[in-house]
PDB file of all heavy atoms in Angstrom:
ATOM      1  N   SER A   1     -15.872 -10.582  11.298  1.00  0.00           N
ATOM      2  CA  SER A   1     -14.565 -10.286  10.695  1.00  0.00           C
ATOM      3  C   SER A   1     -14.751  -9.351   9.517  1.00  0.00           C
ATOM      4  O   SER A   1     -15.790  -9.364   8.855  1.00  0.00           O
ATOM      5  CB  SER A   1     -13.851 -11.572  10.250  1.00  0.00           C
ATOM      6  OG  SER A   1     -14.418 -12.100   9.079  1.00  0.00           O
ATOM      7  N   LEU A   2     -13.733  -8.532   9.286  1.00  0.00           N
ATOM      8  CA  LEU A   2     -13.775  -7.523   8.236  1.00  0.00           C
ATOM      9  C   LEU A   2     -12.387  -7.445   7.602  1.00  0.00           C
ATOM     10  O   LEU A   2     -11.406  -7.167   8.285  1.00  0.00           O
ATOM     11  CB  LEU A   2     -14.175  -6.174   8.832  1.00  0.00           C
ATOM     12  CG  LEU A   2     -14.448  -5.011   7.897  1.00  0.00           C
ATOM     13  CD1 LEU A   2     -15.570  -5.340   6.929  1.00  0.00           C
ATOM     14  CD2 LEU A   2     -14.801  -3.762   8.704  1.00  0.00           C
ATOM     15  N   GLY A   3     -12.304  -7.745   6.315  1.00  0.00           N
ATOM     16  CA  GLY A   3     -11.014  -7.732   5.640  1.00  0.00           C
ATOM     17  C   GLY A   3     -10.047  -8.750   6.202  1.00  0.00           C
ATOM     18  O   GLY A   3      -8.833  -8.519   6.204  1.00  0.00           O
ATOM     19  N   GLY A   4     -10.576  -9.887   6.687  1.00  0.00           N
ATOM     20  CA  GLY A   4      -9.725 -10.933   7.230  1.00  0.00           C
ATOM     21  C   GLY A   4      -9.271 -10.699   8.657  1.00  0.00           C
ATOM     22  O   GLY A   4      -8.479 -11.482   9.196  1.00  0.00           O
ATOM     23  N   ILE A   5      -9.772  -9.638   9.304  1.00  0.00           N
ATOM     24  CA  ILE A   5      -9.368  -9.300  10.678  1.00  0.00           C
ATOM     25  C   ILE A   5     -10.556  -9.517  11.609  1.00  0.00           C
ATOM     26  O   ILE A   5     -11.672  -9.053  11.332  1.00  0.00           O
ATOM     27  CB  ILE A   5      -8.887  -7.842  10.766  1.00  0.00           C
ATOM     28  CG1 ILE A   5      -7.662  -7.646   9.870  1.00  0.00           C
ATOM     29  CG2 ILE A   5      -8.562  -7.461  12.202  1.00  0.00           C
ATOM     30  CD1 ILE A   5      -7.227  -6.207   9.727  1.00  0.00           C
ATOM     31  N   ASP A   6     -10.326 -10.242  12.698  1.00  0.00           N
ATOM     32  CA  ASP A   6     -11.392 -10.490  13.674  1.00  0.00           C
ATOM     33  C   ASP A   6     -11.829  -9.186  14.324  1.00  0.00           C
ATOM     34  O   ASP A   6     -10.997  -8.364  14.730  1.00  0.00           O
ATOM     35  CB  ASP A   6     -10.915 -11.465  14.753  1.00  0.00           C
ATOM     36  CG  ASP A   6     -10.731 -12.875  14.218  1.00  0.00           C
ATOM     37  OD1 ASP A   6     -11.323 -13.189  13.163  1.00  0.00           O
ATOM     38  OD2 ASP A   6      -9.990 -13.651  14.845  1.00  0.00           O
ATOM     39  N   ILE A   7     -13.129  -8.989  14.429  1.00  0.00           N
ATOM     40  CA  ILE A   7     -13.702  -7.790  15.043  1.00  0.00           C
ATOM     41  C   ILE A   7     -14.315  -8.179  16.377  1.00  0.00           C
ATOM     42  O   ILE A   7     -15.255  -8.969  16.432  1.00  0.00           O
ATOM     43  CB  ILE A   7     -14.774  -7.154  14.129  1.00  0.00           C
ATOM     44  CG1 ILE A   7     -14.193  -6.843  12.745  1.00  0.00           C
ATOM     45  CG2 ILE A   7     -15.347  -5.912  14.778  1.00  0.00           C
ATOM     46  CD1 ILE A   7     -13.078  -5.831  12.746  1.00  0.00           C
ATOM     47  N   ARG A   8     -13.794  -7.622  17.459  1.00  0.00           N
ATOM     48  CA  ARG A   8     -14.279  -7.942  18.799  1.00  0.00           C
ATOM     49  C   ARG A   8     -14.840  -6.732  19.530  1.00  0.00           C
ATOM     50  O   ARG A   8     -15.370  -6.869  20.631  1.00  0.00           O
ATOM     51  CB  ARG A   8     -13.160  -8.570  19.630  1.00  0.00           C
ATOM     52  CG  ARG A   8     -12.620  -9.865  19.019  1.00  0.00           C
ATOM     53  CD  ARG A   8     -11.557 -10.493  19.882  1.00  0.00           C
ATOM     54  NE  ARG A   8     -11.059 -11.729  19.295  1.00  0.00           N
ATOM     55  CZ  ARG A   8     -11.623 -12.921  19.433  1.00  0.00           C
ATOM     56  NH1 ARG A   8     -12.731 -13.032  20.147  1.00  0.00           N
ATOM     57  NH2 ARG A   8     -11.107 -13.985  18.857  1.00  0.00           N
ATOM     58  N   SER A   9     -14.681  -5.547  18.934  1.00  0.00           N
ATOM     59  CA  SER A   9     -15.176  -4.340  19.597  1.00  0.00           C
ATOM     60  C   SER A   9     -15.385  -3.252  18.550  1.00  0.00           C
ATOM     61  O   SER A   9     -14.908  -3.356  17.413  1.00  0.00           O
ATOM     62  CB  SER A   9     -14.175  -3.850  20.654  1.00  0.00           C
ATOM     63  OG  SER A   9     -12.979  -3.432  20.026  1.00  0.00           O
ATOM     64  N   THR A  10     -16.098  -2.190  18.950  1.00  0.00           N
ATOM     65  CA  THR A  10     -16.271  -1.053  18.037  1.00  0.00           C
ATOM     66  C   THR A  10     -14.921  -0.407  17.728  1.00  0.00           C
ATOM     67  O   THR A  10     -14.714   0.121  16.636  1.00  0.00           O
ATOM     68  CB  THR A  10     -17.214  -0.007  18.655  1.00  0.00           C
ATOM     69  OG1 THR A  10     -16.722   0.373  19.947  1.00  0.00           O
ATOM     70  CG2 THR A  10     -18.613  -0.559  18.791  1.00  0.00           C
ATOM     71  N   GLU A  11     -13.994  -0.463  18.685  1.00  0.00           N
ATOM     72  CA  GLU A  11     -12.648   0.071  18.440  1.00  0.00           C
ATOM     73  C   GLU A  11     -11.967  -0.706  17.316  1.00  0.00           C
ATOM     74  O   GLU A  11     -11.338  -0.108  16.436  1.00  0.00           O
ATOM     75  CB  GLU A  11     -11.817   0.008  19.715  1.00  0.00           C
ATOM     76  CG  GLU A  11     -10.421   0.609  19.557  1.00  0.00           C
ATOM     77  CD  GLU A  11      -9.586   0.468  20.816  1.00  0.00           C
ATOM     78  OE1 GLU A  11      -9.960  -0.323  21.711  1.00  0.00           O
ATOM     79  OE2 GLU A  11      -8.555   1.150  20.898  1.00  0.00           O
ATOM     80  N   ASP A  12     -12.085  -2.032  17.344  1.00  0.00           N
ATOM     81  CA  ASP A  12     -11.531  -2.839  16.258  1.00  0.00           C
ATOM     82  C   ASP A  12     -12.164  -2.446  14.930  1.00  0.00           C
ATOM     83  O   ASP A  12     -11.470  -2.286  13.915  1.00  0.00           O
ATOM     84  CB  ASP A  12     -11.797  -4.330  16.507  1.00  0.00           C
ATOM     85  CG  ASP A  12     -10.956  -4.909  17.629  1.00  0.00           C
ATOM     86  OD1 ASP A  12      -9.978  -4.258  18.030  1.00  0.00           O
ATOM     87  OD2 ASP A  12     -11.295  -6.010  18.105  1.00  0.00           O
ATOM     88  N   PHE A  13     -13.479  -2.312  14.921  1.00  0.00           N
ATOM     89  CA  PHE A  13     -14.196  -1.976  13.688  1.00  0.00           C
ATOM     90  C   PHE A  13     -13.715  -0.645  13.119  1.00  0.00           C
ATOM     91  O   PHE A  13     -13.372  -0.540  11.937  1.00  0.00           O
ATOM     92  CB  PHE A  13     -15.699  -1.932  13.965  1.00  0.00           C
ATOM     93  CG  PHE A  13     -16.513  -1.416  12.819  1.00  0.00           C
ATOM     94  CD1 PHE A  13     -16.826  -2.235  11.744  1.00  0.00           C
ATOM     95  CD2 PHE A  13     -16.972  -0.102  12.809  1.00  0.00           C
ATOM     96  CE1 PHE A  13     -17.574  -1.753  10.674  1.00  0.00           C
ATOM     97  CE2 PHE A  13     -17.720   0.385  11.750  1.00  0.00           C
ATOM     98  CZ  PHE A  13     -18.020  -0.446  10.680  1.00  0.00           C
ATOM     99  N   ASN A  14     -13.696   0.407  13.956  1.00  0.00           N
ATOM    100  CA  ASN A  14     -13.290   1.729  13.477  1.00  0.00           C
ATOM    101  C   ASN A  14     -11.849   1.727  12.989  1.00  0.00           C
ATOM    102  O   ASN A  14     -11.519   2.375  11.988  1.00  0.00           O
ATOM    103  CB  ASN A  14     -13.464   2.765  14.585  1.00  0.00           C
ATOM    104  CG  ASN A  14     -14.918   2.986  14.950  1.00  0.00           C
ATOM    105  OD1 ASN A  14     -15.800   2.811  14.124  1.00  0.00           O
ATOM    106  ND2 ASN A  14     -15.169   3.348  16.198  1.00  0.00           N
ATOM    107  N   SER A  15     -10.977   1.007  13.684  1.00  0.00           N
ATOM    108  CA  SER A  15      -9.575   0.946  13.297  1.00  0.00           C
ATOM    109  C   SER A  15      -9.408   0.277  11.936  1.00  0.00           C
ATOM    110  O   SER A  15      -8.634   0.753  11.092  1.00  0.00           O
ATOM    111  CB  SER A  15      -8.771   0.182  14.359  1.00  0.00           C
ATOM    112  OG  SER A  15      -7.439   0.020  13.968  1.00  0.00           O
ATOM    113  N   VAL A  16     -10.145  -0.799  11.703  1.00  0.00           N
ATOM    114  CA  VAL A  16     -10.036  -1.508  10.424  1.00  0.00           C
ATOM    115  C   VAL A  16     -10.592  -0.655   9.289  1.00  0.00           C
ATOM    116  O   VAL A  16      -9.984  -0.547   8.217  1.00  0.00           O
ATOM    117  CB  VAL A  16     -10.760  -2.866  10.496  1.00  0.00           C
ATOM    118  CG1 VAL A  16     -10.820  -3.521   9.120  1.00  0.00           C
ATOM    119  CG2 VAL A  16     -10.052  -3.791  11.469  1.00  0.00           C
ATOM    120  N   VAL A  17     -11.734  -0.029   9.510  1.00  0.00           N
ATOM    121  CA  VAL A  17     -12.357   0.781   8.456  1.00  0.00           C
ATOM    122  C   VAL A  17     -11.456   1.951   8.067  1.00  0.00           C
ATOM    123  O   VAL A  17     -11.372   2.311   6.887  1.00  0.00           O
ATOM    124  CB  VAL A  17     -13.745   1.280   8.904  1.00  0.00           C
ATOM    125  CG1 VAL A  17     -14.306   2.305   7.918  1.00  0.00           C
ATOM    126  CG2 VAL A  17     -14.715   0.110   9.026  1.00  0.00           C
ATOM    127  N   ARG A  18     -10.756   2.539   9.038  1.00  0.00           N
ATOM    128  CA  ARG A  18      -9.859   3.657   8.729  1.00  0.00           C
ATOM    129  C   ARG A  18      -8.737   3.227   7.785  1.00  0.00           C
ATOM    130  O   ARG A  18      -8.171   4.054   7.075  1.00  0.00           O
ATOM    131  CB  ARG A  18      -9.255   4.235  10.010  1.00  0.00           C
ATOM    132  CG  ARG A  18     -10.182   5.168  10.757  1.00  0.00           C
ATOM    133  CD  ARG A  18      -9.412   6.025  11.758  1.00  0.00           C
ATOM    134  NE  ARG A  18      -8.730   5.224  12.749  1.00  0.00           N
ATOM    135  CZ  ARG A  18      -9.250   4.857  13.906  1.00  0.00           C
ATOM    136  NH1 ARG A  18     -10.494   5.213  14.206  1.00  0.00           N
ATOM    137  NH2 ARG A  18      -8.576   4.132  14.766  1.00  0.00           N
ATOM    138  N   GLY A  19      -8.417   1.930   7.766  1.00  0.00           N
ATOM    139  CA  GLY A  19      -7.339   1.453   6.905  1.00  0.00           C
ATOM    140  C   GLY A  19      -7.763   1.166   5.482  1.00  0.00           C
ATOM    141  O   GLY A  19      -6.916   0.872   4.625  1.00  0.00           O
ATOM    142  N   PHE A  20      -9.064   1.261   5.181  1.00  0.00           N
ATOM    143  CA  PHE A  20      -9.534   0.996   3.824  1.00  0.00           C
ATOM    144  C   PHE A  20      -9.256   2.193   2.916  1.00  0.00           C
ATOM    145  O   PHE A  20      -9.203   3.339   3.369  1.00  0.00           O
ATOM    146  CB  PHE A  20     -11.038   0.712   3.801  1.00  0.00           C
ATOM    147  CG  PHE A  20     -11.446  -0.543   4.525  1.00  0.00           C
ATOM    148  CD1 PHE A  20     -12.737  -0.707   5.001  1.00  0.00           C
ATOM    149  CD2 PHE A  20     -10.535  -1.562   4.728  1.00  0.00           C
ATOM    150  CE1 PHE A  20     -13.125  -1.856   5.666  1.00  0.00           C
ATOM    151  CE2 PHE A  20     -10.903  -2.719   5.402  1.00  0.00           C
ATOM    152  CZ  PHE A  20     -12.197  -2.868   5.864  1.00  0.00           C
ATOM    153  N   THR A  21      -9.111   1.912   1.629  1.00  0.00           N
ATOM    154  CA  THR A  21      -9.028   2.972   0.625  1.00  0.00           C
ATOM    155  C   THR A  21     -10.234   2.868  -0.286  1.00  0.00           C
ATOM    156  O   THR A  21     -10.829   1.797  -0.445  1.00  0.00           O
ATOM    157  CB  THR A  21      -7.733   2.873  -0.195  1.00  0.00           C
ATOM    158  OG1 THR A  21      -7.613   1.544  -0.733  1.00  0.00           O
ATOM    159  CG2 THR A  21      -6.521   3.170   0.652  1.00  0.00           C
ATOM    160  N   SER A  22     -10.600   3.988  -0.901  1.00  0.00           N
ATOM    161  CA  SER A  22     -11.798   3.993  -1.741  1.00  0.00           C
ATOM    162  C   SER A  22     -11.617   3.035  -2.914  1.00  0.00           C
ATOM    163  O   SER A  22     -10.546   2.948  -3.519  1.00  0.00           O
ATOM    164  CB  SER A  22     -12.073   5.407  -2.257  1.00  0.00           C
ATOM    165  OG  SER A  22     -10.978   5.881  -3.018  1.00  0.00           O
ATOM    166  N   GLY A  23     -12.681   2.294  -3.206  1.00  0.00           N
ATOM    167  CA  GLY A  23     -12.641   1.326  -4.292  1.00  0.00           C
ATOM    168  C   GLY A  23     -12.170  -0.048  -3.868  1.00  0.00           C
ATOM    169  O   GLY A  23     -12.245  -1.000  -4.652  1.00  0.00           O
ATOM    170  N   GLU A  24     -11.692  -0.176  -2.636  1.00  0.00           N
ATOM    171  CA  GLU A  24     -11.197  -1.468  -2.154  1.00  0.00           C
ATOM    172  C   GLU A  24     -12.378  -2.385  -1.817  1.00  0.00           C
ATOM    173  O   GLU A  24     -13.330  -1.981  -1.163  1.00  0.00           O
ATOM    174  CB  GLU A  24     -10.332  -1.251  -0.911  1.00  0.00           C
ATOM    175  CG  GLU A  24      -9.718  -2.515  -0.347  1.00  0.00           C
ATOM    176  CD  GLU A  24      -8.826  -2.236   0.851  1.00  0.00           C
ATOM    177  OE1 GLU A  24      -8.647  -1.048   1.208  1.00  0.00           O
ATOM    178  OE2 GLU A  24      -8.307  -3.200   1.434  1.00  0.00           O
ATOM    179  N   THR A  25     -12.309  -3.625  -2.276  1.00  0.00           N
ATOM    180  CA  THR A  25     -13.339  -4.611  -1.973  1.00  0.00           C
ATOM    181  C   THR A  25     -12.901  -5.445  -0.784  1.00  0.00           C
ATOM    182  O   THR A  25     -11.790  -5.968  -0.760  1.00  0.00           O
ATOM    183  CB  THR A  25     -13.609  -5.521  -3.182  1.00  0.00           C
ATOM    184  OG1 THR A  25     -14.068  -4.710  -4.282  1.00  0.00           O
ATOM    185  CG2 THR A  25     -14.677  -6.558  -2.863  1.00  0.00           C
ATOM    186  N   VAL A  26     -13.779  -5.546   0.210  1.00  0.00           N
ATOM    187  CA  VAL A  26     -13.448  -6.173   1.480  1.00  0.00           C
ATOM    188  C   VAL A  26     -14.443  -7.297   1.770  1.00  0.00           C
ATOM    189  O   VAL A  26     -15.646  -7.144   1.560  1.00  0.00           O
ATOM    190  CB  VAL A  26     -13.483  -5.143   2.626  1.00  0.00           C
ATOM    191  CG1 VAL A  26     -13.036  -5.779   3.924  1.00  0.00           C
ATOM    192  CG2 VAL A  26     -12.621  -3.936   2.295  1.00  0.00           C
ATOM    193  N   ARG A  27     -13.939  -8.408   2.269  1.00  0.00           N
ATOM    194  CA  ARG A  27     -14.807  -9.520   2.647  1.00  0.00           C
ATOM    195  C   ARG A  27     -15.266  -9.367   4.094  1.00  0.00           C
ATOM    196  O   ARG A  27     -14.519  -8.922   4.948  1.00  0.00           O
ATOM    197  CB  ARG A  27     -14.061 -10.847   2.480  1.00  0.00           C
ATOM    198  CG  ARG A  27     -13.679 -11.164   1.047  1.00  0.00           C
ATOM    199  CD  ARG A  27     -12.864 -12.426   0.978  1.00  0.00           C
ATOM    200  NE  ARG A  27     -12.341 -12.660  -0.359  1.00  0.00           N
ATOM    201  CZ  ARG A  27     -11.415 -13.576  -0.650  1.00  0.00           C
ATOM    202  NH1 ARG A  27     -10.914 -14.326   0.330  1.00  0.00           N
ATOM    203  NH2 ARG A  27     -10.992 -13.725  -1.883  1.00  0.00           N
ATOM    204  N   MET A  28     -16.510  -9.768   4.334  1.00  0.00           N
ATOM    205  CA  MET A  28     -17.086  -9.688   5.671  1.00  0.00           C
ATOM    206  C   MET A  28     -17.644 -11.053   6.059  1.00  0.00           C
ATOM    207  O   MET A  28     -18.167 -11.781   5.219  1.00  0.00           O
ATOM    208  CB  MET A  28     -18.220  -8.652   5.721  1.00  0.00           C
ATOM    209  CG  MET A  28     -17.867  -7.303   5.181  1.00  0.00           C
ATOM    210  SD  MET A  28     -19.299  -6.182   5.142  1.00  0.00           S
ATOM    211  CE  MET A  28     -19.544  -5.860   6.885  1.00  0.00           C
TER     212      MET A  28
END
C-alpha cells in the first residue's frame, strides 16, 4: 500500500505516484 491505497499492479503504483506533490509525506 502507498498513501493508504492498496497496490496490486504496476499500473496502480504509477497512478498513485503521479498524484503526489513534492514535499508530501506518504506512508508505505
